[in-house]
Amino acid sequence: MSAEITLFVNPTAGRGRGAHAAQPAASALRAAGFSVRTVLGADAGDALARLRTAVREGTGAVIAVGGDGMVSLALQALAGTLVPLGVVAAGTGNDFARAVGLPVGEPARAGRLAAEALKEGRVREVDLGRVAAAGAGGGGAAEGGTWYGTVLCSGFDSRVNDRGNRMRLPAGRFKYDLAMLAELAAFRPFPYRITLDDGPVIETEATLVAVGNGSSYGGGMRICADAVPDDGLFDVVVVGDCSRATLLKVFPRVYRGTHLSHPAVTVHRASKVTLEAAGITAYADGEPLGPLPVTAACVPGALRLLV
């Protein structure tokens, strides 16, 4: 393993916490005898290009410092390679770190853990989802596309994201609260076509469909509460046709994961999922993928994770 470790940093993550979190992580790595190279970028595309160069040139590991967006970028460069990923969770959501049991909001501890894992060779192989590129057919992982580690969501929650992303004011999470109220006012279930593995098409009215490699999204909303990131399967959670009042009653239970027992909720497990619905955008790891239809494949052991 190369003694040079790449620190992949989003300095603006968590309202500036990312820049501060990088310092103890770098100190822990240097104290363990590693040299540290920091990779930033002018924007997401530039940062990913720089990271891919570091991986190609033979870095010993990548430590992503920031939130789920930074982890998502790192996955695009590391999935399917032998280069391990460490995570210093310093963003707003940090759902990937939660799903794999890594420290959240403790940059010094996370940095020490990554350094110790590198010294001792502690690596856990975890699954990733891969969404087929547009026009690539149903192959998912084999056809090129986008990797994700937590949850692919579609339906009511993605419509809230869409609306919030279009709003210039107010700033911060409050605009998403307003977006949720607006979507509730116009609420209706959506006609879906869902294909699990090579089974028959399921035609159903659904409020939302989430395809979980990890258990949570949105900063701890346990939409796919029982998902395990190394079992080779997605948990596919379908919230069926329900009234506005039922949705308001069920949605708060998502934070505890107790919504899964509600009669309107169905859970499937599959290694490949195709979702079709008109006018719905898919999001994965909080990032927009584009309009349905999409096909996601669970790729076992796609990522080597420092634990």
C-alpha atoms as a PDB file:
ATOM      1  CA  MET A   1       0.000   0.000   0.000  1.00  0.00           C
ATOM      2  CA  SER A   2       1.248   3.484  -0.804  1.00  0.00           C
ATOM      3  CA  ALA A   3       2.190   5.538   2.251  1.00  0.00           C
ATOM      4  CA  GLU A   4       0.526   8.593   0.694  1.00  0.00           C
ATOM      5  CA  ILE A   5      -3.109   9.009   1.695  1.00  0.00           C
ATOM      6  CA  THR A   6      -5.520  11.303  -0.125  1.00  0.00           C
ATOM      7  CA  LEU A   7      -7.680  13.582   1.995  1.00  0.00           C
ATOM      8  CA  PHE A   8     -10.738  14.425  -0.141  1.00  0.00           C
ATOM      9  CA  VAL A   9     -12.191  17.550   1.437  1.00  0.00           C
ATOM     10  CA  ASN A  10     -15.327  19.612   1.051  1.00  0.00           C
ATOM     11  CA  PRO A  11     -14.421  22.715   3.095  1.00  0.00           C
ATOM     12  CA  THR A  12     -17.995  24.061   2.973  1.00  0.00           C
ATOM     13  CA  ALA A  13     -19.663  20.868   4.285  1.00  0.00           C
ATOM     14  CA  GLY A  14     -21.782  21.302   7.408  1.00  0.00           C
ATOM     15  CA  ARG A  15     -21.651  25.122   7.213  1.00  0.00           C
ATOM     16  CA  GLY A  16     -17.858  25.136   7.237  1.00  0.00           C
ATOM     17  CA  ARG A  17     -17.285  22.155   9.552  1.00  0.00           C
ATOM     18  CA  GLY A  18     -15.577  20.276   6.710  1.00  0.00           C
ATOM     19  CA  ALA A  19     -12.534  22.571   6.700  1.00  0.00           C
ATOM     20  CA  HIS A  20     -12.080  22.205  10.484  1.00  0.00           C
ATOM     21  CA  ALA A  21     -12.677  18.439  10.376  1.00  0.00           C
ATOM     22  CA  ALA A  22      -9.846  17.937   7.884  1.00  0.00           C
ATOM     23  CA  GLN A  23      -7.204  19.157  10.344  1.00  0.00           C
ATOM     24  CA  PRO A  24      -7.513  16.449  13.038  1.00  0.00           C
ATOM     25  CA  ALA A  25      -7.899  13.778  10.357  1.00  0.00           C
ATOM     26  CA  ALA A  26      -4.660  14.870   8.687  1.00  0.00           C
ATOM     27  CA  SER A  27      -2.887  15.015  12.067  1.00  0.00           C
ATOM     28  CA  ALA A  28      -3.989  11.465  12.960  1.00  0.00           C
ATOM     29  CA  LEU A  29      -2.778  10.109   9.618  1.00  0.00           C
ATOM     30  CA  ARG A  30       0.590  11.852   9.865  1.00  0.00           C
ATOM     31  CA  ALA A  31       1.027  10.646  13.452  1.00  0.00           C
ATOM     32  CA  ALA A  32       0.512   7.099  12.166  1.00  0.00           C
ATOM     33  CA  GLY A  33       3.329   7.571   9.666  1.00  0.00           C
ATOM     34  CA  PHE A  34       1.428   8.397   6.501  1.00  0.00           C
ATOM     35  CA  SER A  35       1.986  11.335   4.204  1.00  0.00           C
ATOM     36  CA  VAL A  36      -1.165  13.245   3.339  1.00  0.00           C
ATOM     37  CA  ARG A  37      -2.181  14.825   0.064  1.00  0.00           C
ATOM     38  CA  THR A  38      -5.266  17.045   0.132  1.00  0.00           C
ATOM     39  CA  VAL A  39      -7.593  17.130  -2.867  1.00  0.00           C
ATOM     40  CA  LEU A  40     -10.061  19.990  -3.270  1.00  0.00           C
ATOM     41  CA  GLY A  41     -11.816  21.234  -6.385  1.00  0.00           C
ATOM     42  CA  ALA A  42     -13.325  24.346  -7.876  1.00  0.00           C
ATOM     43  CA  ASP A  43     -16.608  22.428  -8.139  1.00  0.00           C
ATOM     44  CA  ALA A  44     -17.843  18.839  -7.908  1.00  0.00           C
ATOM     45  CA  GLY A  45     -16.697  17.919 -11.418  1.00  0.00           C
ATOM     46  CA  ASP A  46     -13.221  19.333 -10.865  1.00  0.00           C
ATOM     47  CA  ALA A  47     -12.903  17.630  -7.463  1.00  0.00           C
ATOM     48  CA  LEU A  48     -13.894  14.255  -8.931  1.00  0.00           C
ATOM     49  CA  ALA A  49     -11.439  14.617 -11.821  1.00  0.00           C
ATOM     50  CA  ARG A  50      -8.632  15.386  -9.360  1.00  0.00           C
ATOM     51  CA  LEU A  51      -9.595  12.433  -7.171  1.00  0.00           C
ATOM     52  CA  ARG A  52      -9.630  10.056 -10.144  1.00  0.00           C
ATOM     53  CA  THR A  53      -6.123  11.228 -10.996  1.00  0.00           C
ATOM     54  CA  ALA A  54      -4.959  10.511  -7.433  1.00  0.00           C
ATOM     55  CA  VAL A  55      -6.482   7.012  -7.558  1.00  0.00           C
ATOM     56  CA  ARG A  56      -4.922   6.330 -10.952  1.00  0.00           C
ATOM     57  CA  GLU A  57      -1.518   7.450  -9.668  1.00  0.00           C
ATOM     58  CA  GLY A  58      -1.673   4.980  -6.804  1.00  0.00           C
ATOM     59  CA  THR A  59      -2.890   6.522  -3.554  1.00  0.00           C
ATOM     60  CA  GLY A  60      -3.018   4.167  -0.573  1.00  0.00           C
ATOM     61  CA  ALA A  61      -6.504   5.237   0.500  1.00  0.00           C
ATOM     62  CA  VAL A  62      -9.002   8.063   0.203  1.00  0.00           C
ATOM     63  CA  ILE A  63     -10.453   9.749   3.283  1.00  0.00           C
ATOM     64  CA  ALA A  64     -13.617  11.694   2.397  1.00  0.00           C
ATOM     65  CA  VAL A  65     -14.149  14.674   4.718  1.00  0.00           C
ATOM     66  CA  GLY A  66     -17.634  16.173   4.490  1.00  0.00           C
ATOM     67  CA  GLY A  67     -21.171  14.909   4.081  1.00  0.00           C
ATOM     68  CA  ASP A  68     -22.967  12.394   1.906  1.00  0.00           C
ATOM     69  CA  GLY A  69     -22.335  14.485  -1.206  1.00  0.00           C
ATOM     70  CA  MET A  70     -18.578  14.125  -0.718  1.00  0.00           C
ATOM     71  CA  VAL A  71     -18.885  10.393  -0.076  1.00  0.00           C
ATOM     72  CA  SER A  72     -21.014  10.083  -3.216  1.00  0.00           C
ATOM     73  CA  LEU A  73     -18.301  11.775  -5.280  1.00  0.00           C
ATOM     74  CA  ALA A  74     -15.667   9.488  -3.791  1.00  0.00           C
ATOM     75  CA  LEU A  75     -17.719   6.417  -4.702  1.00  0.00           C
ATOM     76  CA  GLN A  76     -17.592   7.377  -8.382  1.00  0.00           C
ATOM     77  CA  ALA A  77     -13.776   7.136  -8.257  1.00  0.00           C
ATOM     78  CA  LEU A  78     -13.335   4.187  -5.864  1.00  0.00           C
ATOM     79  CA  ALA A  79     -16.115   1.694  -6.625  1.00  0.00           C
ATOM     80  CA  GLY A  80     -14.713  -1.477  -8.097  1.00  0.00           C
ATOM     81  CA  THR A  81     -11.093  -0.597  -7.230  1.00  0.00           C
ATOM     82  CA  LEU A  82      -8.820  -1.909  -4.480  1.00  0.00           C
ATOM     83  CA  VAL A  83      -8.345   1.577  -2.988  1.00  0.00           C
ATOM     84  CA  PRO A  84     -10.165   1.758   0.371  1.00  0.00           C
ATOM     85  CA  LEU A  85     -12.365   4.605   1.571  1.00  0.00           C
ATOM     86  CA  GLY A  86     -12.360   6.211   4.990  1.00  0.00           C
ATOM     87  CA  VAL A  87     -15.041   8.700   6.049  1.00  0.00           C
ATOM     88  CA  VAL A  88     -14.777  11.707   8.347  1.00  0.00           C
ATOM     89  CA  ALA A  89     -18.477  12.581   8.564  1.00  0.00           C
ATOM     90  CA  ALA A  90     -18.732  16.354   8.898  1.00  0.00           C
ATOM     91  CA  GLY A  91     -21.726  17.244   6.743  1.00  0.00           C
ATOM     92  CA  THR A  92     -25.402  17.863   7.355  1.00  0.00           C
ATOM     93  CA  GLY A  93     -26.803  14.404   6.613  1.00  0.00           C
ATOM     94  CA  ASN A  94     -24.009  11.836   7.144  1.00  0.00           C
ATOM     95  CA  ASP A  95     -26.318   8.922   6.348  1.00  0.00           C
ATOM     96  CA  PHE A  96     -23.598   6.788   4.775  1.00  0.00           C
ATOM     97  CA  ALA A  97     -21.460   6.954   7.929  1.00  0.00           C
ATOM     98  CA  ARG A  98     -24.493   6.064  10.059  1.00  0.00           C
ATOM     99  CA  ALA A  99     -25.338   3.075   7.870  1.00  0.00           C
ATOM    100  CA  VAL A 100     -21.865   1.547   8.199  1.00  0.00           C
ATOM    101  CA  GLY A 101     -21.366   2.409  11.876  1.00  0.00           C
ATOM    102  CA  LEU A 102     -18.697   5.103  11.529  1.00  0.00           C
ATOM    103  CA  PRO A 103     -18.439   8.140  13.859  1.00  0.00           C
ATOM    104  CA  VAL A 104     -20.590  11.155  13.012  1.00  0.00           C
ATOM    105  CA  GLY A 105     -19.539  14.671  13.978  1.00  0.00           C
ATOM    106  CA  GLU A 106     -16.344  13.422  15.683  1.00  0.00           C
ATOM    107  CA  PRO A 107     -13.557  14.268  13.218  1.00  0.00           C
ATOM    108  CA  ALA A 108     -10.656  13.510  15.563  1.00  0.00           C
ATOM    109  CA  ARG A 109     -12.052  10.079  16.436  1.00  0.00           C
ATOM    110  CA  ALA A 110     -12.907   9.342  12.801  1.00  0.00           C
ATOM    111  CA  GLY A 111      -9.409  10.339  11.711  1.00  0.00           C
ATOM    112  CA  ARG A 112      -7.792   8.083  14.336  1.00  0.00           C
ATOM    113  CA  LEU A 113     -10.066   5.213  13.319  1.00  0.00           C
ATOM    114  CA  ALA A 114      -9.069   5.568   9.660  1.00  0.00           C
ATOM    115  CA  ALA A 115      -5.366   5.708  10.562  1.00  0.00           C
ATOM    116  CA  GLU A 116      -5.644   2.622  12.788  1.00  0.00           C
ATOM    117  CA  ALA A 117      -7.586   0.734  10.115  1.00  0.00           C
ATOM    118  CA  LEU A 118      -4.867   1.502   7.568  1.00  0.00           C
ATOM    119  CA  LYS A 119      -2.094   0.364   9.929  1.00  0.00           C
ATOM    120  CA  GLU A 120      -3.921  -2.840  10.860  1.00  0.00           C
ATOM    121  CA  GLY A 121      -5.444  -3.591   7.438  1.00  0.00           C
ATOM    122  CA  ARG A 122      -9.030  -3.437   8.737  1.00  0.00           C
ATOM    123  CA  VAL A 123     -11.212  -3.311   5.632  1.00  0.00           C
ATOM    124  CA  ARG A 124     -14.896  -4.173   5.249  1.00  0.00           C
ATOM    125  CA  GLU A 125     -16.263  -4.928   1.804  1.00  0.00           C
ATOM    126  CA  VAL A 126     -19.685  -3.335   1.376  1.00  0.00           C
ATOM    127  CA  ASP A 127     -22.228  -3.313  -1.415  1.00  0.00           C
ATOM    128  CA  LEU A 128     -23.102  -0.319  -3.562  1.00  0.00           C
ATOM    129  CA  GLY A 129     -26.023   0.456  -5.799  1.00  0.00           C
ATOM    130  CA  ARG A 130     -25.329   1.370  -9.396  1.00  0.00           C
ATOM    131  CA  VAL A 131     -27.879   3.104 -11.569  1.00  0.00           C
ATOM    132  CA  ALA A 132     -27.676   2.421 -15.287  1.00  0.00           C
ATOM    133  CA  ALA A 133     -26.788   5.349 -17.506  1.00  0.00           C
ATOM    134  CA  ALA A 134     -29.606   6.700 -19.668  1.00  0.00           C
ATOM    135  CA  GLY A 135     -30.090   4.435 -22.648  1.00  0.00           C
ATOM    136  CA  ALA A 136     -27.841   1.717 -21.196  1.00  0.00           C
ATOM    137  CA  GLY A 137     -30.592  -0.838 -20.874  1.00  0.00           C
ATOM    138  CA  GLY A 138     -31.325  -2.920 -17.794  1.00  0.00           C
ATOM    139  CA  GLY A 139     -27.804  -3.999 -16.917  1.00  0.00           C
ATOM    140  CA  GLY A 140     -27.288  -1.519 -14.101  1.00  0.00           C
ATOM    141  CA  ALA A 141     -23.798  -2.154 -12.830  1.00  0.00           C
ATOM    142  CA  ALA A 142     -22.464  -3.578 -16.050  1.00  0.00           C
ATOM    143  CA  GLU A 143     -23.474  -0.734 -18.281  1.00  0.00           C
ATOM    144  CA  GLY A 144     -21.907   2.376 -16.731  1.00  0.00           C
ATOM    145  CA  GLY A 145     -23.798   4.880 -14.649  1.00  0.00           C
ATOM    146  CA  THR A 146     -23.850   6.286 -11.122  1.00  0.00           C
ATOM    147  CA  TRP A 147     -22.848   4.561  -7.884  1.00  0.00           C
ATOM    148  CA  TYR A 148     -24.670   5.195  -4.591  1.00  0.00           C
ATOM    149  CA  GLY A 149     -24.239   4.010  -1.033  1.00  0.00           C
ATOM    150  CA  THR A 150     -27.429   4.904   0.845  1.00  0.00           C
ATOM    151  CA  VAL A 151     -30.896   5.285  -0.685  1.00  0.00           C
ATOM    152  CA  LEU A 152     -32.376   5.918  -4.111  1.00  0.00           C
ATOM    153  CA  CYS A 153     -35.669   7.734  -3.584  1.00  0.00           C
ATOM    154  CA  SER A 154     -38.556   8.645  -5.842  1.00  0.00           C
ATOM    155  CA  GLY A 155     -42.073   9.983  -5.430  1.00  0.00           C
ATOM    156  CA  PHE A 156     -43.311  12.398  -2.780  1.00  0.00           C
ATOM    157  CA  ASP A 157     -39.864  12.894  -1.227  1.00  0.00           C
ATOM    158  CA  SER A 158     -38.162  13.510  -4.568  1.00  0.00           C
ATOM    159  CA  ARG A 159     -40.918  15.977  -5.535  1.00  0.00           C
ATOM    160  CA  VAL A 160     -40.151  17.887  -2.310  1.00  0.00           C
ATOM    161  CA  ASN A 161     -36.474  17.926  -3.302  1.00  0.00           C
ATOM    162  CA  ASP A 162     -37.338  19.125  -6.800  1.00  0.00           C
ATOM    163  CA  ARG A 163     -39.461  21.985  -5.475  1.00  0.00           C
ATOM    164  CA  GLY A 164     -36.934  22.946  -2.795  1.00  0.00           C
ATOM    165  CA  ASN A 165     -34.104  23.008  -5.332  1.00  0.00           C
ATOM    166  CA  ARG A 166     -36.099  25.414  -7.503  1.00  0.00           C
ATOM    167  CA  MET A 167     -36.702  27.836  -4.626  1.00  0.00           C
ATOM    168  CA  ARG A 168     -34.163  30.639  -4.216  1.00  0.00           C
ATOM    169  CA  LEU A 169     -35.549  31.792  -0.875  1.00  0.00           C
ATOM    170  CA  PRO A 170     -35.553  31.134   2.011  1.00  0.00           C
ATOM    171  CA  ALA A 171     -32.071  29.708   2.498  1.00  0.00           C
ATOM    172  CA  GLY A 172     -31.228  26.492   4.312  1.00  0.00           C
ATOM    173  CA  ARG A 173     -33.510  23.621   5.303  1.00  0.00           C
ATOM    174  CA  PHE A 174     -36.510  25.911   5.885  1.00  0.00           C
ATOM    175  CA  LYS A 175     -37.138  26.078   2.150  1.00  0.00           C
ATOM    176  CA  TYR A 176     -37.540  22.289   2.103  1.00  0.00           C
ATOM    177  CA  ASP A 177     -40.084  22.536   4.919  1.00  0.00           C
ATOM    178  CA  LEU A 178     -42.023  25.016   2.781  1.00  0.00           C
ATOM    179  CA  ALA A 179     -41.590  22.749  -0.243  1.00  0.00           C
ATOM    180  CA  MET A 180     -43.058  19.849   1.735  1.00  0.00           C
ATOM    181  CA  LEU A 181     -46.101  21.929   2.694  1.00  0.00           C
ATOM    182  CA  ALA A 182     -46.606  22.904  -0.950  1.00  0.00           C
ATOM    183  CA  GLU A 183     -46.335  19.287  -2.108  1.00  0.00           C
ATOM    184  CA  LEU A 184     -48.761  18.173   0.588  1.00  0.00           C
ATOM    185  CA  ALA A 185     -51.278  20.700  -0.693  1.00  0.00           C
ATOM    186  CA  ALA A 186     -51.037  19.149  -4.158  1.00  0.00           C
ATOM    187  CA  PHE A 187     -50.568  15.609  -2.872  1.00  0.00           C
ATOM    188  CA  ARG A 188     -51.625  12.587  -4.888  1.00  0.00           C
ATOM    189  CA  PRO A 189     -50.214   9.070  -5.270  1.00  0.00           C
ATOM    190  CA  PHE A 190     -48.346   8.206  -8.455  1.00  0.00           C
ATOM    191  CA  PRO A 191     -48.901   5.238 -10.788  1.00  0.00           C
ATOM    192  CA  TYR A 192     -45.715   3.123 -10.685  1.00  0.00           C
ATOM    193  CA  ARG A 193     -44.425   0.136 -12.592  1.00  0.00           C
ATOM    194  CA  ILE A 194     -41.909  -1.745 -10.443  1.00  0.00           C
ATOM    195  CA  THR A 195     -39.809  -4.696 -11.616  1.00  0.00           C
ATOM    196  CA  LEU A 196     -37.877  -6.700  -9.025  1.00  0.00           C
ATOM    197  CA  ASP A 197     -35.042  -8.821 -10.433  1.00  0.00           C
ATOM    198  CA  ASP A 198     -36.548 -10.660 -13.409  1.00  0.00           C
ATOM    199  CA  GLY A 199     -40.013 -10.967 -11.939  1.00  0.00           C
ATOM    200  CA  PRO A 200     -43.296  -9.684 -13.329  1.00  0.00           C
ATOM    201  CA  VAL A 201     -44.047  -5.976 -13.469  1.00  0.00           C
ATOM    202  CA  ILE A 202     -45.868  -4.707 -10.372  1.00  0.00           C
ATOM    203  CA  GLU A 203     -48.331  -1.961 -11.267  1.00  0.00           C
ATOM    204  CA  THR A 204     -49.344   0.034  -8.219  1.00  0.00           C
ATOM    205  CA  GLU A 205     -50.317   3.453  -6.917  1.00  0.00           C
ATOM    206  CA  ALA A 206     -47.588   4.628  -4.555  1.00  0.00           C
ATOM    207  CA  THR A 207     -46.737   7.707  -2.529  1.00  0.00           C
ATOM    208  CA  LEU A 208     -43.020   6.959  -2.761  1.00  0.00           C
ATOM    209  CA  VAL A 209     -40.625   4.128  -3.546  1.00  0.00           C
ATOM    210  CA  ALA A 210     -37.177   3.938  -1.931  1.00  0.00           C
ATOM    211  CA  VAL A 211     -34.425   1.512  -2.936  1.00  0.00           C
ATOM    212  CA  GLY A 212     -32.077   1.183   0.030  1.00  0.00           C
ATOM    213  CA  ASN A 213     -28.535  -0.113   0.115  1.00  0.00           C
ATOM    214  CA  GLY A 214     -28.238   1.766   3.420  1.00  0.00           C
ATOM    215  CA  SER A 215     -30.936   2.412   5.979  1.00  0.00           C
ATOM    216  CA  SER A 216     -31.453   6.184   5.987  1.00  0.00           C
ATOM    217  CA  TYR A 217     -31.532   9.408   4.006  1.00  0.00           C
ATOM    218  CA  GLY A 218     -32.172  13.069   4.730  1.00  0.00           C
ATOM    219  CA  GLY A 219     -30.052  13.146   7.893  1.00  0.00           C
ATOM    220  CA  GLY A 220     -31.376  10.131   9.778  1.00  0.00           C
ATOM    221  CA  MET A 221     -34.772   9.366   8.212  1.00  0.00           C
ATOM    222  CA  ARG A 222     -34.755   5.549   8.419  1.00  0.00           C
ATOM    223  CA  ILE A 223     -36.850   4.949   5.325  1.00  0.00           C
ATOM    224  CA  CYS A 224     -35.217   1.539   4.680  1.00  0.00           C
ATOM    225  CA  ALA A 225     -34.622   0.805   8.370  1.00  0.00           C
ATOM    226  CA  ASP A 226     -33.704  -2.874   7.970  1.00  0.00           C
ATOM    227  CA  ALA A 227     -31.345  -2.483   5.007  1.00  0.00           C
ATOM    228  CA  VAL A 228     -27.900  -4.065   5.455  1.00  0.00           C
ATOM    229  CA  PRO A 229     -25.093  -2.734   3.237  1.00  0.00           C
ATOM    230  CA  ASP A 230     -23.326  -6.062   2.748  1.00  0.00           C
ATOM    231  CA  ASP A 231     -26.087  -8.624   2.147  1.00  0.00           C
ATOM    232  CA  GLY A 232     -26.128  -8.352  -1.658  1.00  0.00           C
ATOM    233  CA  LEU A 233     -29.718  -7.089  -1.719  1.00  0.00           C
ATOM    234  CA  PHE A 234     -31.640  -3.827  -1.735  1.00  0.00           C
ATOM    235  CA  ASP A 235     -34.516  -3.180   0.626  1.00  0.00           C
ATOM    236  CA  VAL A 236     -37.279  -1.748  -1.567  1.00  0.00           C
ATOM    237  CA  VAL A 237     -39.795   0.205   0.510  1.00  0.00           C
ATOM    238  CA  VAL A 238     -43.091   1.060  -1.157  1.00  0.00           C
ATOM    239  CA  VAL A 239     -45.408   3.507   0.613  1.00  0.00           C
ATOM    240  CA  GLY A 240     -48.685   2.785  -1.098  1.00  0.00           C
ATOM    241  CA  ASP A 241     -51.757   4.808  -1.965  1.00  0.00           C
ATOM    242  CA  CYS A 242     -52.657   6.717   1.185  1.00  0.00           C
ATOM    243  CA  SER A 243     -54.492   9.879   2.123  1.00  0.00           C
ATOM    244  CA  ARG A 244     -52.838  13.162   3.040  1.00  0.00           C
ATOM    245  CA  ALA A 245     -53.862  12.579   6.667  1.00  0.00           C
ATOM    246  CA  THR A 246     -52.299   9.091   6.677  1.00  0.00           C
ATOM    247  CA  LEU A 247     -49.090  10.416   5.147  1.00  0.00           C
ATOM    248  CA  LEU A 248     -48.857  13.094   7.849  1.00  0.00           C
ATOM    249  CA  LYS A 249     -49.338  10.403  10.486  1.00  0.00           C
ATOM    250  CA  VAL A 250     -46.861   7.909   9.004  1.00  0.00           C
ATOM    251  CA  PHE A 251     -44.070  10.239   7.899  1.00  0.00           C
ATOM    252  CA  PRO A 252     -42.789  11.201  11.396  1.00  0.00           C
ATOM    253  CA  ARG A 253     -42.360   7.479  12.160  1.00  0.00           C
ATOM    254  CA  VAL A 254     -39.661   7.331   9.479  1.00  0.00           C
ATOM    255  CA  TYR A 255     -37.127   8.795  11.944  1.00  0.00           C
ATOM    256  CA  ARG A 256     -37.530   5.712  14.168  1.00  0.00           C
ATOM    257  CA  GLY A 257     -38.041   3.227  11.352  1.00  0.00           C
ATOM    258  CA  THR A 258     -41.390   2.152  12.816  1.00  0.00           C
ATOM    259  CA  HIS A 259     -43.286   3.092   9.635  1.00  0.00           C
ATOM    260  CA  LEU A 260     -42.393  -0.303   8.153  1.00  0.00           C
ATOM    261  CA  SER A 261     -45.166  -1.952  10.186  1.00  0.00           C
ATOM    262  CA  HIS A 262     -47.874   0.339   8.799  1.00  0.00           C
ATOM    263  CA  PRO A 263     -50.398  -1.408   6.481  1.00  0.00           C
ATOM    264  CA  ALA A 264     -49.692   1.105   3.700  1.00  0.00           C
ATOM    265  CA  VAL A 265     -45.990   0.127   3.616  1.00  0.00           C
ATOM    266  CA  THR A 266     -44.588  -2.900   1.808  1.00  0.00           C
ATOM    267  CA  VAL A 267     -40.952  -4.043   1.849  1.00  0.00           C
ATOM    268  CA  HIS A 268     -39.372  -6.175  -0.883  1.00  0.00           C
ATOM    269  CA  ARG A 269     -35.788  -7.415  -1.290  1.00  0.00           C
ATOM    270  CA  ALA A 270     -34.117  -7.657  -4.665  1.00  0.00           C
ATOM    271  CA  SER A 271     -30.715  -7.325  -6.317  1.00  0.00           C
ATOM    272  CA  LYS A 272     -32.038  -5.354  -9.292  1.00  0.00           C
ATOM    273  CA  VAL A 273     -34.925  -2.882  -9.403  1.00  0.00           C
ATOM    274  CA  THR A 274     -36.508  -0.947 -12.248  1.00  0.00           C
ATOM    275  CA  LEU A 275     -38.818   1.965 -11.415  1.00  0.00           C
ATOM    276  CA  GLU A 276     -41.111   3.601 -13.955  1.00  0.00           C
ATOM    277  CA  ALA A 277     -43.417   6.568 -13.294  1.00  0.00           C
ATOM    278  CA  ALA A 278     -44.231   9.703 -15.245  1.00  0.00           C
ATOM    279  CA  GLY A 279     -43.057  13.072 -13.969  1.00  0.00           C
ATOM    280  CA  ILE A 280     -40.871  11.705 -11.149  1.00  0.00           C
ATOM    281  CA  THR A 281     -37.179  12.469 -10.566  1.00  0.00           C
ATOM    282  CA  ALA A 282     -34.937   9.894  -8.900  1.00  0.00           C
ATOM    283  CA  TYR A 283     -32.399  10.980  -6.268  1.00  0.00           C
ATOM    284  CA  ALA A 284     -29.581   8.844  -4.845  1.00  0.00           C
ATOM    285  CA  ASP A 285     -27.383   9.840  -1.889  1.00  0.00           C
ATOM    286  CA  GLY A 286     -29.310  13.133  -1.994  1.00  0.00           C
ATOM    287  CA  GLU A 287     -28.161  13.927  -5.545  1.00  0.00           C
ATOM    288  CA  PRO A 288     -30.525  14.122  -8.553  1.00  0.00           C
ATOM    289  CA  LEU A 289     -30.158  11.253 -11.028  1.00  0.00           C
ATOM    290  CA  GLY A 290     -32.780  12.329 -13.540  1.00  0.00           C
ATOM    291  CA  PRO A 291     -36.310  11.298 -14.461  1.00  0.00           C
ATOM    292  CA  LEU A 292     -37.673   7.786 -14.155  1.00  0.00           C
ATOM    293  CA  PRO A 293     -37.405   5.156 -15.515  1.00  0.00           C
ATOM    294  CA  VAL A 294     -34.202   4.005 -13.830  1.00  0.00           C
ATOM    295  CA  THR A 295     -32.680   0.597 -13.179  1.00  0.00           C
ATOM    296  CA  ALA A 296     -30.534   0.053 -10.088  1.00  0.00           C
ATOM    297  CA  ALA A 297     -28.369  -2.999  -9.434  1.00  0.00           C
ATOM    298  CA  CYS A 298     -26.861  -4.008  -6.092  1.00  0.00           C
ATOM    299  CA  VAL A 299     -23.164  -4.781  -6.623  1.00  0.00           C
ATOM    300  CA  PRO A 300     -21.792  -6.953  -3.803  1.00  0.00           C
ATOM    301  CA  GLY A 301     -18.454  -5.933  -2.316  1.00  0.00           C
ATOM    302  CA  ALA A 302     -18.056  -2.979  -4.664  1.00  0.00           C
ATOM    303  CA  LEU A 303     -16.336  -0.803  -2.022  1.00  0.00           C
ATOM    304  CA  ARG A 304     -13.489  -1.447   0.399  1.00  0.00           C
ATOM    305  CA  LEU A 305     -14.233   0.535   3.556  1.00  0.00           C
ATOM    306  CA  LEU A 306     -11.852   1.410   6.388  1.00  0.00           C
ATOM    307  CA  VAL A 307     -13.541   0.447   9.667  1.00  0.00           C
END
